[in-house]
PDB file of N, CA and C in Angstrom:
ATOM      1  N   MET A   1     -12.359  -3.074 -22.937  1.00  0.00           N
ATOM      2  CA  MET A   1     -11.271  -3.232 -21.980  1.00  0.00           C
ATOM      3  C   MET A   1     -11.696  -2.697 -20.607  1.00  0.00           C
ATOM      4  N   GLU A   2     -12.295  -1.511 -20.597  1.00  0.00           N
ATOM      5  CA  GLU A   2     -12.721  -0.917 -19.325  1.00  0.00           C
ATOM      6  C   GLU A   2     -13.769  -1.773 -18.640  1.00  0.00           C
ATOM      7  N   ASP A   3     -14.671  -2.367 -19.426  1.00  0.00           N
ATOM      8  CA  ASP A   3     -15.716  -3.215 -18.839  1.00  0.00           C
ATOM      9  C   ASP A   3     -15.119  -4.409 -18.102  1.00  0.00           C
ATOM     10  N   LYS A   4     -14.070  -4.996 -18.659  1.00  0.00           N
ATOM     11  CA  LYS A   4     -13.444  -6.151 -18.027  1.00  0.00           C
ATOM     12  C   LYS A   4     -12.832  -5.767 -16.677  1.00  0.00           C
ATOM     13  N   ILE A   5     -12.170  -4.622 -16.641  1.00  0.00           N
ATOM     14  CA  ILE A   5     -11.550  -4.159 -15.404  1.00  0.00           C
ATOM     15  C   ILE A   5     -12.618  -3.879 -14.350  1.00  0.00           C
ATOM     16  N   ILE A   6     -13.669  -3.195 -14.754  1.00  0.00           N
ATOM     17  CA  ILE A   6     -14.761  -2.877 -13.833  1.00  0.00           C
ATOM     18  C   ILE A   6     -15.424  -4.157 -13.331  1.00  0.00           C
ATOM     19  N   ASN A   7     -15.621  -5.132 -14.222  1.00  0.00           N
ATOM     20  CA  ASN A   7     -16.208  -6.419 -13.816  1.00  0.00           C
ATOM     21  C   ASN A   7     -15.326  -7.122 -12.791  1.00  0.00           C
ATOM     22  N   LEU A   8     -14.015  -7.102 -13.005  1.00  0.00           N
ATOM     23  CA  LEU A   8     -13.092  -7.717 -12.048  1.00  0.00           C
ATOM     24  C   LEU A   8     -13.141  -6.997 -10.700  1.00  0.00           C
ATOM     25  N   LEU A   9     -13.257  -5.673 -10.733  1.00  0.00           N
ATOM     26  CA  LEU A   9     -13.369  -4.916  -9.490  1.00  0.00           C
ATOM     27  C   LEU A   9     -14.650  -5.267  -8.742  1.00  0.00           C
ATOM     28  N   HIS A  10     -15.753  -5.420  -9.477  1.00  0.00           N
ATOM     29  CA  HIS A  10     -17.015  -5.795  -8.838  1.00  0.00           C
ATOM     30  C   HIS A  10     -16.932  -7.205  -8.246  1.00  0.00           C
ATOM     31  N   MET A  11     -16.310  -8.131  -8.967  1.00  0.00           N
ATOM     32  CA  MET A  11     -16.170  -9.496  -8.445  1.00  0.00           C
ATOM     33  C   MET A  11     -15.289  -9.511  -7.188  1.00  0.00           C
ATOM     34  N   ALA A  12     -14.220  -8.729  -7.211  1.00  0.00           N
ATOM     35  CA  ALA A  12     -13.344  -8.646  -6.036  1.00  0.00           C
ATOM     36  C   ALA A  12     -14.103  -8.071  -4.845  1.00  0.00           C
ATOM     37  N   ARG A  13     -14.940  -7.089  -5.106  1.00  0.00           N
ATOM     38  CA  ARG A  13     -15.726  -6.490  -4.019  1.00  0.00           C
ATOM     39  C   ARG A  13     -16.705  -7.498  -3.438  1.00  0.00           C
ATOM     40  N   LYS A  14     -17.384  -8.247  -4.309  1.00  0.00           N
ATOM     41  CA  LYS A  14     -18.335  -9.259  -3.833  1.00  0.00           C
ATOM     42  C   LYS A  14     -17.636 -10.355  -3.045  1.00  0.00           C
ATOM     43  N   ALA A  15     -16.390 -10.646  -3.417  1.00  0.00           N
ATOM     44  CA  ALA A  15     -15.622 -11.677  -2.722  1.00  0.00           C
ATOM     45  C   ALA A  15     -14.996 -11.151  -1.427  1.00  0.00           C
ATOM     46  N   GLY A  16     -15.150  -9.863  -1.176  1.00  0.00           N
ATOM     47  CA  GLY A  16     -14.584  -9.276   0.030  1.00  0.00           C
ATOM     48  C   GLY A  16     -13.095  -9.008  -0.077  1.00  0.00           C
ATOM     49  N   LYS A  17     -12.596  -8.924  -1.294  1.00  0.00           N
ATOM     50  CA  LYS A  17     -11.165  -8.736  -1.521  1.00  0.00           C
ATOM     51  C   LYS A  17     -10.825  -7.358  -2.064  1.00  0.00           C
ATOM     52  N   LEU A  18     -11.745  -6.412  -1.922  1.00  0.00           N
ATOM     53  CA  LEU A  18     -11.520  -5.052  -2.379  1.00  0.00           C
ATOM     54  C   LEU A  18     -11.710  -4.093  -1.202  1.00  0.00           C
ATOM     55  N   LYS A  19     -10.749  -3.234  -1.004  1.00  0.00           N
ATOM     56  CA  LYS A  19     -10.840  -2.193   0.015  1.00  0.00           C
ATOM     57  C   LYS A  19     -10.784  -0.859  -0.709  1.00  0.00           C
ATOM     58  N   SER A  20     -11.548   0.109  -0.205  1.00  0.00           N
ATOM     59  CA  SER A  20     -11.542   1.419  -0.846  1.00  0.00           C
ATOM     60  C   SER A  20     -11.241   2.507   0.160  1.00  0.00           C
ATOM     61  N   GLY A  21     -10.531   3.517  -0.302  1.00  0.00           N
ATOM     62  CA  GLY A  21     -10.140   4.621   0.551  1.00  0.00           C
ATOM     63  C   GLY A  21      -8.710   4.466   1.038  1.00  0.00           C
ATOM     64  N   TYR A  22      -8.093   5.589   1.335  1.00  0.00           N
ATOM     65  CA  TYR A  22      -6.683   5.586   1.731  1.00  0.00           C
ATOM     66  C   TYR A  22      -6.448   4.795   3.005  1.00  0.00           C
ATOM     67  N   ASP A  23      -7.256   5.037   4.034  1.00  0.00           N
ATOM     68  CA  ASP A  23      -7.039   4.373   5.325  1.00  0.00           C
ATOM     69  C   ASP A  23      -7.162   2.856   5.226  1.00  0.00           C
ATOM     70  N   ALA A  24      -8.180   2.384   4.520  1.00  0.00           N
ATOM     71  CA  ALA A  24      -8.384   0.942   4.370  1.00  0.00           C
ATOM     72  C   ALA A  24      -7.237   0.311   3.584  1.00  0.00           C
ATOM     73  N   CYS A  25      -6.786   0.999   2.554  1.00  0.00           N
ATOM     74  CA  CYS A  25      -5.673   0.473   1.758  1.00  0.00           C
ATOM     75  C   CYS A  25      -4.367   0.501   2.546  1.00  0.00           C
ATOM     76  N   GLU A  26      -4.203   1.524   3.356  1.00  0.00           N
ATOM     77  CA  GLU A  26      -3.013   1.608   4.200  1.00  0.00           C
ATOM     78  C   GLU A  26      -2.975   0.436   5.183  1.00  0.00           C
ATOM     79  N   ARG A  27      -4.105   0.151   5.828  1.00  0.00           N
ATOM     80  CA  ARG A  27      -4.179  -0.990   6.758  1.00  0.00           C
ATOM     81  C   ARG A  27      -3.904  -2.307   6.033  1.00  0.00           C
ATOM     82  N   SER A  28      -4.407  -2.428   4.815  1.00  0.00           N
ATOM     83  CA  SER A  28      -4.196  -3.640   4.033  1.00  0.00           C
ATOM     84  C   SER A  28      -2.719  -3.830   3.703  1.00  0.00           C
ATOM     85  N   CYS A  29      -2.034  -2.738   3.394  1.00  0.00           N
ATOM     86  CA  CYS A  29      -0.595  -2.814   3.131  1.00  0.00           C
ATOM     87  C   CYS A  29       0.169  -3.181   4.406  1.00  0.00           C
ATOM     88  N   PHE A  30      -0.204  -2.554   5.515  1.00  0.00           N
ATOM     89  CA  PHE A  30       0.465  -2.835   6.796  1.00  0.00           C
ATOM     90  C   PHE A  30       0.340  -4.306   7.184  1.00  0.00           C
ATOM     91  N   SER A  31      -0.801  -4.907   6.890  1.00  0.00           N
ATOM     92  CA  SER A  31      -1.024  -6.303   7.267  1.00  0.00           C
ATOM     93  C   SER A  31      -0.581  -7.285   6.179  1.00  0.00           C
ATOM     94  N   ASN A  32       0.071  -6.779   5.137  1.00  0.00           N
ATOM     95  CA  ASN A  32       0.576  -7.585   4.013  1.00  0.00           C
ATOM     96  C   ASN A  32      -0.529  -8.328   3.264  1.00  0.00           C
ATOM     97  N   ASP A  33      -1.745  -7.802   3.271  1.00  0.00           N
ATOM     98  CA  ASP A  33      -2.840  -8.392   2.509  1.00  0.00           C
ATOM     99  C   ASP A  33      -2.943  -7.809   1.112  1.00  0.00           C
ATOM    100  N   ALA A  34      -2.472  -6.606   0.921  1.00  0.00           N
ATOM    101  CA  ALA A  34      -2.609  -5.910  -0.362  1.00  0.00           C
ATOM    102  C   ALA A  34      -1.760  -6.569  -1.446  1.00  0.00           C
ATOM    103  N   LYS A  35      -2.367  -6.800  -2.592  1.00  0.00           N
ATOM    104  CA  LYS A  35      -1.660  -7.344  -3.751  1.00  0.00           C
ATOM    105  C   LYS A  35      -1.524  -6.295  -4.844  1.00  0.00           C
ATOM    106  N   LEU A  36      -2.479  -5.360  -4.890  1.00  0.00           N
ATOM    107  CA  LEU A  36      -2.476  -4.323  -5.916  1.00  0.00           C
ATOM    108  C   LEU A  36      -3.191  -3.096  -5.380  1.00  0.00           C
ATOM    109  N   VAL A  37      -2.610  -1.931  -5.613  1.00  0.00           N
ATOM    110  CA  VAL A  37      -3.241  -0.668  -5.264  1.00  0.00           C
ATOM    111  C   VAL A  37      -3.526   0.071  -6.570  1.00  0.00           C
ATOM    112  N   ILE A  38      -4.760   0.517  -6.715  1.00  0.00           N
ATOM    113  CA  ILE A  38      -5.172   1.275  -7.894  1.00  0.00           C
ATOM    114  C   ILE A  38      -5.560   2.671  -7.419  1.00  0.00           C
ATOM    115  N   TYR A  39      -4.984   3.676  -8.063  1.00  0.00           N
ATOM    116  CA  TYR A  39      -5.349   5.038  -7.683  1.00  0.00           C
ATOM    117  C   TYR A  39      -5.877   5.790  -8.903  1.00  0.00           C
ATOM    118  N   ALA A  40      -6.807   6.688  -8.654  1.00  0.00           N
ATOM    119  CA  ALA A  40      -7.438   7.475  -9.713  1.00  0.00           C
ATOM    120  C   ALA A  40      -6.487   8.563 -10.202  1.00  0.00           C
ATOM    121  N   SER A  41      -6.632   8.935 -11.445  1.00  0.00           N
ATOM    122  CA  SER A  41      -5.777   9.955 -12.050  1.00  0.00           C
ATOM    123  C   SER A  41      -5.915  11.315 -11.396  1.00  0.00           C
ATOM    124  N   ASP A  42      -7.059  11.562 -10.782  1.00  0.00           N
ATOM    125  CA  ASP A  42      -7.322  12.894 -10.253  1.00  0.00           C
ATOM    126  C   ASP A  42      -7.212  12.997  -8.725  1.00  0.00           C
ATOM    127  N   ILE A  43      -6.414  12.133  -8.105  1.00  0.00           N
ATOM    128  CA  ILE A  43      -6.192  12.305  -6.665  1.00  0.00           C
ATOM    129  C   ILE A  43      -5.135  13.392  -6.463  1.00  0.00           C
ATOM    130  N   ALA A  44      -5.075  13.929  -5.270  1.00  0.00           N
ATOM    131  CA  ALA A  44      -4.125  14.996  -4.953  1.00  0.00           C
ATOM    132  C   ALA A  44      -2.686  14.483  -5.057  1.00  0.00           C
ATOM    133  N   GLU A  45      -1.798  15.356  -5.474  1.00  0.00           N
ATOM    134  CA  GLU A  45      -0.389  14.979  -5.632  1.00  0.00           C
ATOM    135  C   GLU A  45       0.229  14.504  -4.318  1.00  0.00           C
ATOM    136  N   ARG A  46      -0.129  15.157  -3.231  1.00  0.00           N
ATOM    137  CA  ARG A  46       0.418  14.772  -1.931  1.00  0.00           C
ATOM    138  C   ARG A  46      -0.033  13.363  -1.543  1.00  0.00           C
ATOM    139  N   THR A  47      -1.297  13.060  -1.781  1.00  0.00           N
ATOM    140  CA  THR A  47      -1.828  11.729  -1.499  1.00  0.00           C
ATOM    141  C   THR A  47      -1.141  10.694  -2.382  1.00  0.00           C
ATOM    142  N   LYS A  48      -0.969  11.039  -3.648  1.00  0.00           N
ATOM    143  CA  LYS A  48      -0.305  10.132  -4.598  1.00  0.00           C
ATOM    144  C   LYS A  48       1.118   9.830  -4.132  1.00  0.00           C
ATOM    145  N   LYS A  49       1.824  10.851  -3.678  1.00  0.00           N
ATOM    146  CA  LYS A  49       3.202  10.669  -3.205  1.00  0.00           C
ATOM    147  C   LYS A  49       3.251   9.740  -1.991  1.00  0.00           C
ATOM    148  N   HIS A  50       2.357   9.968  -1.026  1.00  0.00           N
ATOM    149  CA  HIS A  50       2.289   9.104   0.162  1.00  0.00           C
ATOM    150  C   HIS A  50       1.950   7.664  -0.232  1.00  0.00           C
ATOM    151  N   LEU A  51       1.040   7.523  -1.177  1.00  0.00           N
ATOM    152  CA  LEU A  51       0.614   6.204  -1.622  1.00  0.00           C
ATOM    153  C   LEU A  51       1.751   5.456  -2.325  1.00  0.00           C
ATOM    154  N   LEU A  52       2.487   6.150  -3.166  1.00  0.00           N
ATOM    155  CA  LEU A  52       3.632   5.532  -3.858  1.00  0.00           C
ATOM    156  C   LEU A  52       4.690   5.083  -2.850  1.00  0.00           C
ATOM    157  N   ASN A  53       4.946   5.911  -1.853  1.00  0.00           N
ATOM    158  CA  ASN A  53       5.912   5.535  -0.809  1.00  0.00           C
ATOM    159  C   ASN A  53       5.439   4.320  -0.025  1.00  0.00           C
ATOM    160  N   LEU A  54       4.162   4.292   0.306  1.00  0.00           N
ATOM    161  CA  LEU A  54       3.581   3.171   1.040  1.00  0.00           C
ATOM    162  C   LEU A  54       3.695   1.874   0.236  1.00  0.00           C
ATOM    163  N   ALA A  55       3.319   1.938  -1.041  1.00  0.00           N
ATOM    164  CA  ALA A  55       3.365   0.747  -1.896  1.00  0.00           C
ATOM    165  C   ALA A  55       4.796   0.246  -2.063  1.00  0.00           C
ATOM    166  N   ASN A  56       5.733   1.159  -2.232  1.00  0.00           N
ATOM    167  CA  ASN A  56       7.138   0.755  -2.367  1.00  0.00           C
ATOM    168  C   ASN A  56       7.670   0.148  -1.076  1.00  0.00           C
ATOM    169  N   ALA A  57       7.290   0.707   0.060  1.00  0.00           N
ATOM    170  CA  ALA A  57       7.770   0.203   1.349  1.00  0.00           C
ATOM    171  C   ALA A  57       7.285  -1.217   1.620  1.00  0.00           C
ATOM    172  N   TYR A  58       6.079  -1.532   1.162  1.00  0.00           N
ATOM    173  CA  TYR A  58       5.510  -2.852   1.424  1.00  0.00           C
ATOM    174  C   TYR A  58       5.507  -3.752   0.189  1.00  0.00           C
ATOM    175  N   ASN A  59       6.221  -3.338  -0.844  1.00  0.00           N
ATOM    176  CA  ASN A  59       6.384  -4.123  -2.065  1.00  0.00           C
ATOM    177  C   ASN A  59       5.043  -4.532  -2.677  1.00  0.00           C
ATOM    178  N   VAL A  60       4.163  -3.557  -2.824  1.00  0.00           N
ATOM    179  CA  VAL A  60       2.841  -3.775  -3.410  1.00  0.00           C
ATOM    180  C   VAL A  60       2.815  -3.112  -4.780  1.00  0.00           C
ATOM    181  N   LYS A  61       2.297  -3.810  -5.758  1.00  0.00           N
ATOM    182  CA  LYS A  61       2.175  -3.226  -7.093  1.00  0.00           C
ATOM    183  C   LYS A  61       1.155  -2.097  -7.049  1.00  0.00           C
ATOM    184  N   ILE A  62       1.432  -1.057  -7.818  1.00  0.00           N
ATOM    185  CA  ILE A  62       0.546   0.104  -7.835  1.00  0.00           C
ATOM    186  C   ILE A  62       0.351   0.549  -9.279  1.00  0.00           C
ATOM    187  N   VAL A  63      -0.874   0.948  -9.600  1.00  0.00           N
ATOM    188  CA  VAL A  63      -1.188   1.351 -10.962  1.00  0.00           C
ATOM    189  C   VAL A  63      -2.218   2.479 -10.944  1.00  0.00           C
ATOM    190  N   LYS A  64      -2.123   3.352 -11.934  1.00  0.00           N
ATOM    191  CA  LYS A  64      -3.077   4.454 -12.079  1.00  0.00           C
ATOM    192  C   LYS A  64      -4.151   4.033 -13.071  1.00  0.00           C
ATOM    193  N   TYR A  65      -5.416   4.258 -12.689  1.00  0.00           N
ATOM    194  CA  TYR A  65      -6.515   3.895 -13.587  1.00  0.00           C
ATOM    195  C   TYR A  65      -7.754   4.714 -13.264  1.00  0.00           C
ATOM    196  N   GLY A  66      -8.398   5.238 -14.259  1.00  0.00           N
ATOM    197  CA  GLY A  66      -9.693   5.886 -14.115  1.00  0.00           C
ATOM    198  C   GLY A  66      -9.678   7.177 -13.314  1.00  0.00           C
ATOM    199  N   PHE A  67     -10.872   7.564 -12.899  1.00  0.00           N
ATOM    200  CA  PHE A  67     -11.079   8.796 -12.140  1.00  0.00           C
ATOM    201  C   PHE A  67     -11.920   8.494 -10.905  1.00  0.00           C
ATOM    202  N   LYS A  68     -11.877   9.384  -9.938  1.00  0.00           N
ATOM    203  CA  LYS A  68     -12.632   9.197  -8.693  1.00  0.00           C
ATOM    204  C   LYS A  68     -14.126   9.027  -8.965  1.00  0.00           C
ATOM    205  N   THR A  69     -14.663   9.794  -9.904  1.00  0.00           N
ATOM    206  CA  THR A  69     -16.096   9.713 -10.192  1.00  0.00           C
ATOM    207  C   THR A  69     -16.469   8.364 -10.803  1.00  0.00           C
ATOM    208  N   LEU A  70     -15.560   7.759 -11.578  1.00  0.00           N
ATOM    209  CA  LEU A  70     -15.816   6.434 -12.162  1.00  0.00           C
ATOM    210  C   LEU A  70     -15.995   5.405 -11.057  1.00  0.00           C
ATOM    211  N   PHE A  71     -15.066   5.373 -10.118  1.00  0.00           N
ATOM    212  CA  PHE A  71     -15.155   4.412  -9.024  1.00  0.00           C
ATOM    213  C   PHE A  71     -16.371   4.682  -8.149  1.00  0.00           C
ATOM    214  N   GLY A  72     -16.629   5.941  -7.885  1.00  0.00           N
ATOM    215  CA  GLY A  72     -17.777   6.313  -7.066  1.00  0.00           C
ATOM    216  C   GLY A  72     -19.088   5.894  -7.692  1.00  0.00           C
ATOM    217  N   SER A  73     -19.243   6.129  -8.984  1.00  0.00           N
ATOM    218  CA  SER A  73     -20.498   5.759  -9.648  1.00  0.00           C
ATOM    219  C   SER A  73     -20.636   4.246  -9.796  1.00  0.00           C
ATOM    220  N   GLU A  74     -19.551   3.560 -10.030  1.00  0.00           N
ATOM    221  CA  GLU A  74     -19.597   2.097 -10.180  1.00  0.00           C
ATOM    222  C   GLU A  74     -19.980   1.402  -8.873  1.00  0.00           C
ATOM    223  N   PHE A  75     -19.473   1.914  -7.768  1.00  0.00           N
ATOM    224  CA  PHE A  75     -19.745   1.287  -6.472  1.00  0.00           C
ATOM    225  C   PHE A  75     -20.856   1.994  -5.708  1.00  0.00           C
ATOM    226  N   LYS A  76     -21.516   2.935  -6.391  1.00  0.00           N
ATOM    227  CA  LYS A  76     -22.674   3.649  -5.842  1.00  0.00           C
ATOM    228  C   LYS A  76     -22.389   4.225  -4.454  1.00  0.00           C
ATOM    229  N   THR A  77     -21.321   4.995  -4.386  1.00  0.00           N
ATOM    230  CA  THR A  77     -20.892   5.625  -3.146  1.00  0.00           C
ATOM    231  C   THR A  77     -20.254   6.966  -3.476  1.00  0.00           C
ATOM    232  N   ARG A  78     -19.624   7.567  -2.493  1.00  0.00           N
ATOM    233  CA  ARG A  78     -18.909   8.820  -2.740  1.00  0.00           C
ATOM    234  C   ARG A  78     -17.757   8.561  -3.717  1.00  0.00           C
ATOM    235  N   ASP A  79     -17.162   9.621  -4.214  1.00  0.00           N
ATOM    236  CA  ASP A  79     -16.026   9.450  -5.119  1.00  0.00           C
ATOM    237  C   ASP A  79     -14.881   8.760  -4.386  1.00  0.00           C
ATOM    238  N   ILE A  80     -14.319   7.751  -5.022  1.00  0.00           N
ATOM    239  CA  ILE A  80     -13.243   6.965  -4.425  1.00  0.00           C
ATOM    240  C   ILE A  80     -11.977   7.167  -5.251  1.00  0.00           C
ATOM    241  N   GLY A  81     -10.891   7.528  -4.598  1.00  0.00           N
ATOM    242  CA  GLY A  81      -9.646   7.771  -5.304  1.00  0.00           C
ATOM    243  C   GLY A  81      -8.653   6.632  -5.223  1.00  0.00           C
ATOM    244  N   ILE A  82      -8.824   5.750  -4.233  1.00  0.00           N
ATOM    245  CA  ILE A  82      -7.856   4.678  -4.020  1.00  0.00           C
ATOM    246  C   ILE A  82      -8.590   3.373  -3.736  1.00  0.00           C
ATOM    247  N   ILE A  83      -8.175   2.329  -4.446  1.00  0.00           N
ATOM    248  CA  ILE A  83      -8.757   0.994  -4.280  1.00  0.00           C
ATOM    249  C   ILE A  83      -7.607   0.011  -4.093  1.00  0.00           C
ATOM    250  N   CYS A  84      -7.830  -0.955  -3.235  1.00  0.00           N
ATOM    251  CA  CYS A  84      -6.823  -1.963  -2.941  1.00  0.00           C
ATOM    252  C   CYS A  84      -7.421  -3.351  -3.194  1.00  0.00           C
ATOM    253  N   ILE A  85      -6.692  -4.197  -3.902  1.00  0.00           N
ATOM    254  CA  ILE A  85      -7.115  -5.564  -4.176  1.00  0.00           C
ATOM    255  C   ILE A  85      -6.297  -6.499  -3.289  1.00  0.00           C
ATOM    256  N   GLU A  86      -6.985  -7.408  -2.593  1.00  0.00           N
ATOM    257  CA  GLU A  86      -6.312  -8.312  -1.660  1.00  0.00           C
ATOM    258  C   GLU A  86      -6.247  -9.754  -2.154  1.00  0.00           C
ATOM    259  N   ASP A  87      -6.464  -9.965  -3.431  1.00  0.00           N
ATOM    260  CA  ASP A  87      -6.406 -11.315  -3.987  1.00  0.00           C
ATOM    261  C   ASP A  87      -5.453 -11.310  -5.182  1.00  0.00           C
ATOM    262  N   ALA A  88      -4.519 -12.237  -5.205  1.00  0.00           N
ATOM    263  CA  ALA A  88      -3.495 -12.267  -6.247  1.00  0.00           C
ATOM    264  C   ALA A  88      -4.086 -12.506  -7.633  1.00  0.00           C
ATOM    265  N   ASN A  89      -5.105 -13.348  -7.730  1.00  0.00           N
ATOM    266  CA  ASN A  89      -5.690 -13.650  -9.043  1.00  0.00           C
ATOM    267  C   ASN A  89      -6.458 -12.461  -9.613  1.00  0.00           C
ATOM    268  N   PHE A  90      -7.227 -11.768  -8.778  1.00  0.00           N
ATOM    269  CA  PHE A  90      -7.909 -10.559  -9.236  1.00  0.00           C
ATOM    270  C   PHE A  90      -6.876  -9.509  -9.649  1.00  0.00           C
ATOM    271  N   ALA A  91      -5.834  -9.370  -8.854  1.00  0.00           N
ATOM    272  CA  ALA A  91      -4.784  -8.384  -9.154  1.00  0.00           C
ATOM    273  C   ALA A  91      -4.115  -8.690 -10.491  1.00  0.00           C
ATOM    274  N   LYS A  92      -3.838  -9.956 -10.713  1.00  0.00           N
ATOM    275  CA  LYS A  92      -3.181 -10.370 -11.973  1.00  0.00           C
ATOM    276  C   LYS A  92      -4.097 -10.077 -13.169  1.00  0.00           C
ATOM    277  N   GLY A  93      -5.372 -10.397 -13.048  1.00  0.00           N
ATOM    278  CA  GLY A  93      -6.327 -10.144 -14.119  1.00  0.00           C
ATOM    279  C   GLY A  93      -6.466  -8.659 -14.430  1.00  0.00           C
ATOM    280  N   ILE A  94      -6.490  -7.832 -13.399  1.00  0.00           N
ATOM    281  CA  ILE A  94      -6.604  -6.390 -13.600  1.00  0.00           C
ATOM    282  C   ILE A  94      -5.339  -5.843 -14.253  1.00  0.00           C
ATOM    283  N   LEU A  95      -4.191  -6.276 -13.782  1.00  0.00           N
ATOM    284  CA  LEU A  95      -2.923  -5.816 -14.375  1.00  0.00           C
ATOM    285  C   LEU A  95      -2.820  -6.199 -15.845  1.00  0.00           C
ATOM    286  N   GLN A  96      -3.252  -7.401 -16.188  1.00  0.00           N
ATOM    287  CA  GLN A  96      -3.222  -7.835 -17.577  1.00  0.00           C
ATOM    288  C   GLN A  96      -4.170  -7.015 -18.435  1.00  0.00           C
ATOM    289  N   SER A  97      -5.323  -6.672 -17.888  1.00  0.00           N
ATOM    290  CA  SER A  97      -6.311  -5.892 -18.630  1.00  0.00           C
ATOM    291  C   SER A  97      -5.876  -4.441 -18.825  1.00  0.00           C
ATOM    292  N   ILE A  98      -5.206  -3.887 -17.818  1.00  0.00           N
ATOM    293  CA  ILE A  98      -4.730  -2.509 -17.929  1.00  0.00           C
ATOM    294  C   ILE A  98      -3.575  -2.427 -18.908  1.00  0.00           C
ATOM    295  N   GLY A  99      -2.759  -3.458 -18.915  1.00  0.00           N
ATOM    296  CA  GLY A  99      -1.658  -3.506 -19.881  1.00  0.00           C
ATOM    297  C   GLY A  99      -0.446  -2.984 -19.310  1.00  0.00           C
TER     298      GLY A  99
END
């Protein structure tokens, strides 16, 4: 199950439909491009609260999945706590896989 989600995230990134980090996801929500926001289980409570408010204000689906180190190691970068998907089909596939 986890492999499918990670594969979808990699495909979304290659397609240019994945944004990572709070600021990038915030801009995506502001411009109504965001279809799904995924946040890591280990982000700060204050950040999580701001993110939930942002997603609710812009009617974006939001889901908790994985840890910052998982996203960081998968995308070969620093630890990432927040990921935004800008494609409806990728978002639907990820939501179905998460359950």
